Amino acid sequence: MSSLPKLFQGEELTVGRLIQRCRLEKCRAELGRGGPSGPGVSVIAQRWGFAHPTQFTRAFRTAYGMTPSEWQAAARDADATD
């Protein structure tokens, strides 16, 4: 076993889950600031290493309670009312 996974032994969060959480946070931030002409969900997902759109959507919904498209639309609506 390499030393990185050893650091996470006994922790609730695995190395893989920590990396995925960080990638999801970057996606969420980018989706929230894209504006009407910003990149689409699939472009952002690929940029942050999600090769399959369904995998990304499932992980995002699990983490944030809505799909990436719903998050992006809510952010755009919020920008429009400001």
N, C-alpha and C. Protein backbone atom coordinates (compact mmCIF):
# COMPACT_ATOMS: atom_id res chain seq x y z
N MET A 1 0.86 -1.18 0.00
CA MET A 1 0.00 0.00 0.00
C MET A 1 0.90 1.24 0.00
N SER A 2 0.58 2.20 -0.85
CA SER A 2 1.37 3.42 -0.89
C SER A 2 1.10 4.26 0.36
N SER A 3 1.92 5.25 0.58
CA SER A 3 1.82 6.02 1.82
C SER A 3 0.59 6.93 1.88
N LEU A 4 0.09 7.40 0.76
CA LEU A 4 -1.07 8.28 0.78
C LEU A 4 -2.31 7.58 1.33
N PRO A 5 -2.67 6.40 0.83
CA PRO A 5 -3.82 5.72 1.43
C PRO A 5 -3.62 5.39 2.91
N LYS A 6 -2.38 5.14 3.31
CA LYS A 6 -2.11 4.87 4.73
C LYS A 6 -2.47 6.06 5.60
N LEU A 7 -2.28 7.26 5.07
CA LEU A 7 -2.64 8.46 5.83
C LEU A 7 -4.13 8.54 6.11
N PHE A 8 -4.92 7.92 5.24
CA PHE A 8 -6.37 7.98 5.37
C PHE A 8 -6.97 6.77 6.08
N GLN A 9 -6.13 5.83 6.50
CA GLN A 9 -6.64 4.67 7.22
C GLN A 9 -7.34 5.13 8.49
N GLY A 10 -8.50 4.58 8.74
CA GLY A 10 -9.25 4.94 9.93
C GLY A 10 -10.08 6.21 9.78
N GLU A 11 -9.99 6.86 8.65
CA GLU A 11 -10.77 8.06 8.39
C GLU A 11 -12.05 7.68 7.64
N GLU A 12 -13.08 8.49 7.77
CA GLU A 12 -14.31 8.24 7.02
C GLU A 12 -14.13 8.49 5.54
N LEU A 13 -13.28 9.42 5.19
CA LEU A 13 -13.09 9.85 3.81
C LEU A 13 -11.86 9.16 3.21
N THR A 14 -12.04 8.55 2.04
CA THR A 14 -10.91 7.94 1.35
C THR A 14 -10.22 8.99 0.48
N VAL A 15 -9.05 8.65 0.00
CA VAL A 15 -8.33 9.54 -0.90
C VAL A 15 -9.17 9.84 -2.13
N GLY A 16 -9.74 8.80 -2.70
CA GLY A 16 -10.56 8.97 -3.91
C GLY A 16 -11.76 9.87 -3.67
N ARG A 17 -12.41 9.70 -2.53
CA ARG A 17 -13.59 10.53 -2.20
C ARG A 17 -13.18 11.99 -1.97
N LEU A 18 -12.03 12.19 -1.35
CA LEU A 18 -11.55 13.56 -1.13
C LEU A 18 -11.27 14.25 -2.47
N ILE A 19 -10.63 13.53 -3.36
CA ILE A 19 -10.33 14.09 -4.68
C ILE A 19 -11.63 14.39 -5.42
N GLN A 20 -12.58 13.45 -5.37
CA GLN A 20 -13.86 13.68 -6.04
C GLN A 20 -14.58 14.88 -5.44
N ARG A 21 -14.55 15.02 -4.14
CA ARG A 21 -15.20 16.17 -3.49
C ARG A 21 -14.59 17.48 -3.96
N CYS A 22 -13.27 17.52 -4.04
CA CYS A 22 -12.60 18.73 -4.51
C CYS A 22 -12.97 19.04 -5.96
N ARG A 23 -13.02 18.02 -6.81
CA ARG A 23 -13.40 18.23 -8.21
C ARG A 23 -14.84 18.71 -8.32
N LEU A 24 -15.73 18.13 -7.51
CA LEU A 24 -17.13 18.56 -7.52
C LEU A 24 -17.26 20.01 -7.07
N GLU A 25 -16.50 20.41 -6.07
CA GLU A 25 -16.55 21.80 -5.60
C GLU A 25 -16.09 22.76 -6.69
N LYS A 26 -15.07 22.38 -7.44
CA LYS A 26 -14.61 23.22 -8.55
C LYS A 26 -15.67 23.32 -9.64
N CYS A 27 -16.32 22.20 -9.93
CA CYS A 27 -17.40 22.20 -10.92
C CYS A 27 -18.55 23.09 -10.46
N ARG A 28 -18.93 22.94 -9.21
CA ARG A 28 -20.05 23.74 -8.67
C ARG A 28 -19.74 25.23 -8.76
N ALA A 29 -18.52 25.60 -8.40
CA ALA A 29 -18.13 27.01 -8.47
C ALA A 29 -18.18 27.52 -9.91
N GLU A 30 -17.67 26.73 -10.83
CA GLU A 30 -17.65 27.15 -12.23
C GLU A 30 -19.06 27.21 -12.81
N LEU A 31 -19.90 26.25 -12.45
CA LEU A 31 -21.29 26.28 -12.91
C LEU A 31 -22.02 27.50 -12.37
N GLY A 32 -21.68 27.93 -11.18
CA GLY A 32 -22.35 29.05 -10.55
C GLY A 32 -21.94 30.41 -11.07
N ARG A 33 -20.80 30.48 -11.73
CA ARG A 33 -20.35 31.79 -12.21
C ARG A 33 -20.32 31.90 -13.73
N GLY A 34 -20.85 30.90 -14.41
CA GLY A 34 -20.75 30.87 -15.87
C GLY A 34 -21.54 31.93 -16.59
N GLY A 35 -22.65 32.37 -16.02
CA GLY A 35 -23.49 33.34 -16.71
C GLY A 35 -24.15 32.71 -17.92
N PRO A 36 -24.94 33.48 -18.63
CA PRO A 36 -25.70 32.94 -19.75
C PRO A 36 -24.83 32.43 -20.90
N SER A 37 -23.66 32.99 -21.06
CA SER A 37 -22.81 32.56 -22.17
C SER A 37 -21.67 31.66 -21.71
N GLY A 38 -21.74 31.19 -20.46
CA GLY A 38 -20.68 30.35 -19.92
C GLY A 38 -20.70 28.95 -20.52
N PRO A 39 -19.68 28.16 -20.20
CA PRO A 39 -19.60 26.80 -20.74
C PRO A 39 -20.72 25.92 -20.21
N GLY A 40 -21.05 24.92 -20.97
CA GLY A 40 -22.11 23.99 -20.59
C GLY A 40 -21.65 22.99 -19.54
N VAL A 41 -22.59 22.26 -19.01
CA VAL A 41 -22.32 21.29 -17.95
C VAL A 41 -21.30 20.25 -18.40
N SER A 42 -21.46 19.69 -19.59
CA SER A 42 -20.54 18.64 -20.03
C SER A 42 -19.12 19.15 -20.21
N VAL A 43 -18.97 20.38 -20.67
CA VAL A 43 -17.64 20.97 -20.83
C VAL A 43 -16.96 21.13 -19.47
N ILE A 44 -17.70 21.62 -18.51
CA ILE A 44 -17.15 21.80 -17.16
C ILE A 44 -16.81 20.45 -16.54
N ALA A 45 -17.70 19.48 -16.70
CA ALA A 45 -17.45 18.14 -16.14
C ALA A 45 -16.18 17.54 -16.72
N GLN A 46 -16.02 17.63 -18.02
CA GLN A 46 -14.81 17.09 -18.65
C GLN A 46 -13.57 17.84 -18.20
N ARG A 47 -13.68 19.15 -18.06
CA ARG A 47 -12.54 19.95 -17.63
C ARG A 47 -12.02 19.48 -16.27
N TRP A 48 -12.92 19.03 -15.41
CA TRP A 48 -12.54 18.61 -14.06
C TRP A 48 -12.44 17.10 -13.92
N GLY A 49 -12.32 16.40 -15.05
CA GLY A 49 -11.97 14.99 -15.02
C GLY A 49 -13.11 13.99 -14.95
N PHE A 50 -14.33 14.42 -15.18
CA PHE A 50 -15.45 13.49 -15.23
C PHE A 50 -15.66 13.08 -16.68
N ALA A 51 -15.31 11.84 -16.98
CA ALA A 51 -15.36 11.36 -18.36
C ALA A 51 -16.78 11.04 -18.83
N HIS A 52 -17.65 10.67 -17.91
CA HIS A 52 -19.00 10.26 -18.27
C HIS A 52 -20.03 11.21 -17.65
N PRO A 53 -20.86 11.83 -18.46
CA PRO A 53 -21.85 12.78 -17.95
C PRO A 53 -22.78 12.19 -16.89
N THR A 54 -23.18 10.93 -17.06
CA THR A 54 -24.08 10.35 -16.06
C THR A 54 -23.38 10.17 -14.72
N GLN A 55 -22.11 9.81 -14.74
CA GLN A 55 -21.33 9.69 -13.51
C GLN A 55 -21.25 11.05 -12.81
N PHE A 56 -20.98 12.09 -13.58
CA PHE A 56 -20.89 13.43 -13.01
C PHE A 56 -22.23 13.87 -12.43
N THR A 57 -23.30 13.69 -13.17
CA THR A 57 -24.62 14.11 -12.71
C THR A 57 -25.00 13.37 -11.43
N ARG A 58 -24.75 12.08 -11.38
CA ARG A 58 -25.07 11.28 -10.20
C ARG A 58 -24.26 11.77 -8.99
N ALA A 59 -22.97 11.97 -9.16
CA ALA A 59 -22.12 12.42 -8.06
C ALA A 59 -22.52 13.82 -7.60
N PHE A 60 -22.83 14.70 -8.53
CA PHE A 60 -23.22 16.07 -8.19
C PHE A 60 -24.53 16.08 -7.42
N ARG A 61 -25.51 15.31 -7.88
CA ARG A 61 -26.81 15.25 -7.21
C ARG A 61 -26.66 14.69 -5.80
N THR A 62 -25.83 13.68 -5.65
CA THR A 62 -25.60 13.10 -4.32
C THR A 62 -24.97 14.13 -3.39
N ALA A 63 -24.04 14.90 -3.90
CA ALA A 63 -23.33 15.88 -3.07
C ALA A 63 -24.16 17.11 -2.76
N TYR A 64 -24.97 17.60 -3.73
CA TYR A 64 -25.61 18.90 -3.58
C TYR A 64 -27.14 18.89 -3.66
N GLY A 65 -27.74 17.73 -3.89
CA GLY A 65 -29.19 17.62 -3.86
C GLY A 65 -29.91 18.12 -5.10
N MET A 66 -29.17 18.43 -6.14
CA MET A 66 -29.77 18.84 -7.42
C MET A 66 -28.78 18.50 -8.53
N THR A 67 -29.30 18.49 -9.76
CA THR A 67 -28.42 18.17 -10.88
C THR A 67 -27.54 19.39 -11.21
N PRO A 68 -26.45 19.16 -11.93
CA PRO A 68 -25.61 20.28 -12.35
C PRO A 68 -26.40 21.32 -13.16
N SER A 69 -27.30 20.86 -14.01
CA SER A 69 -28.11 21.79 -14.82
C SER A 69 -29.02 22.63 -13.94
N GLU A 70 -29.61 22.02 -12.93
CA GLU A 70 -30.46 22.77 -12.00
C GLU A 70 -29.65 23.80 -11.24
N TRP A 71 -28.45 23.42 -10.82
CA TRP A 71 -27.57 24.35 -10.09
C TRP A 71 -27.21 25.54 -10.99
N GLN A 72 -26.85 25.23 -12.23
CA GLN A 72 -26.46 26.28 -13.16
C GLN A 72 -27.64 27.21 -13.45
N ALA A 73 -28.82 26.65 -13.63
CA ALA A 73 -30.01 27.47 -13.89
C ALA A 73 -30.33 28.35 -12.69
N ALA A 74 -30.21 27.82 -11.49
CA ALA A 74 -30.47 28.61 -10.28
C ALA A 74 -29.47 29.76 -10.17
N ALA A 75 -28.23 29.49 -10.50
CA ALA A 75 -27.21 30.54 -10.45
C ALA A 75 -27.50 31.63 -11.50
N ARG A 76 -27.92 31.22 -12.67
CA ARG A 76 -28.26 32.19 -13.72
C ARG A 76 -29.46 33.02 -13.32
N ASP A 77 -30.46 32.38 -12.71
CA ASP A 77 -31.64 33.12 -12.23
C ASP A 77 -31.26 34.13 -11.16
N ALA A 78 -30.36 33.74 -10.27
CA ALA A 78 -29.91 34.64 -9.21
C ALA A 78 -29.16 35.83 -9.80
N ASP A 79 -28.34 35.58 -10.82
CA ASP A 79 -27.63 36.67 -11.49
C ASP A 79 -28.59 37.62 -12.19
N ALA A 80 -29.64 37.06 -12.74
CA ALA A 80 -30.61 37.90 -13.48
C ALA A 80 -31.41 38.81 -12.56
N THR A 81 -31.59 38.41 -11.30
CA THR A 81 -32.35 39.22 -10.37
C THR A 81 -31.50 40.23 -9.63
N ASP A 82 -30.18 40.11 -9.75
CA ASP A 82 -29.27 41.07 -9.07
C ASP A 82 -29.18 42.38 -9.80
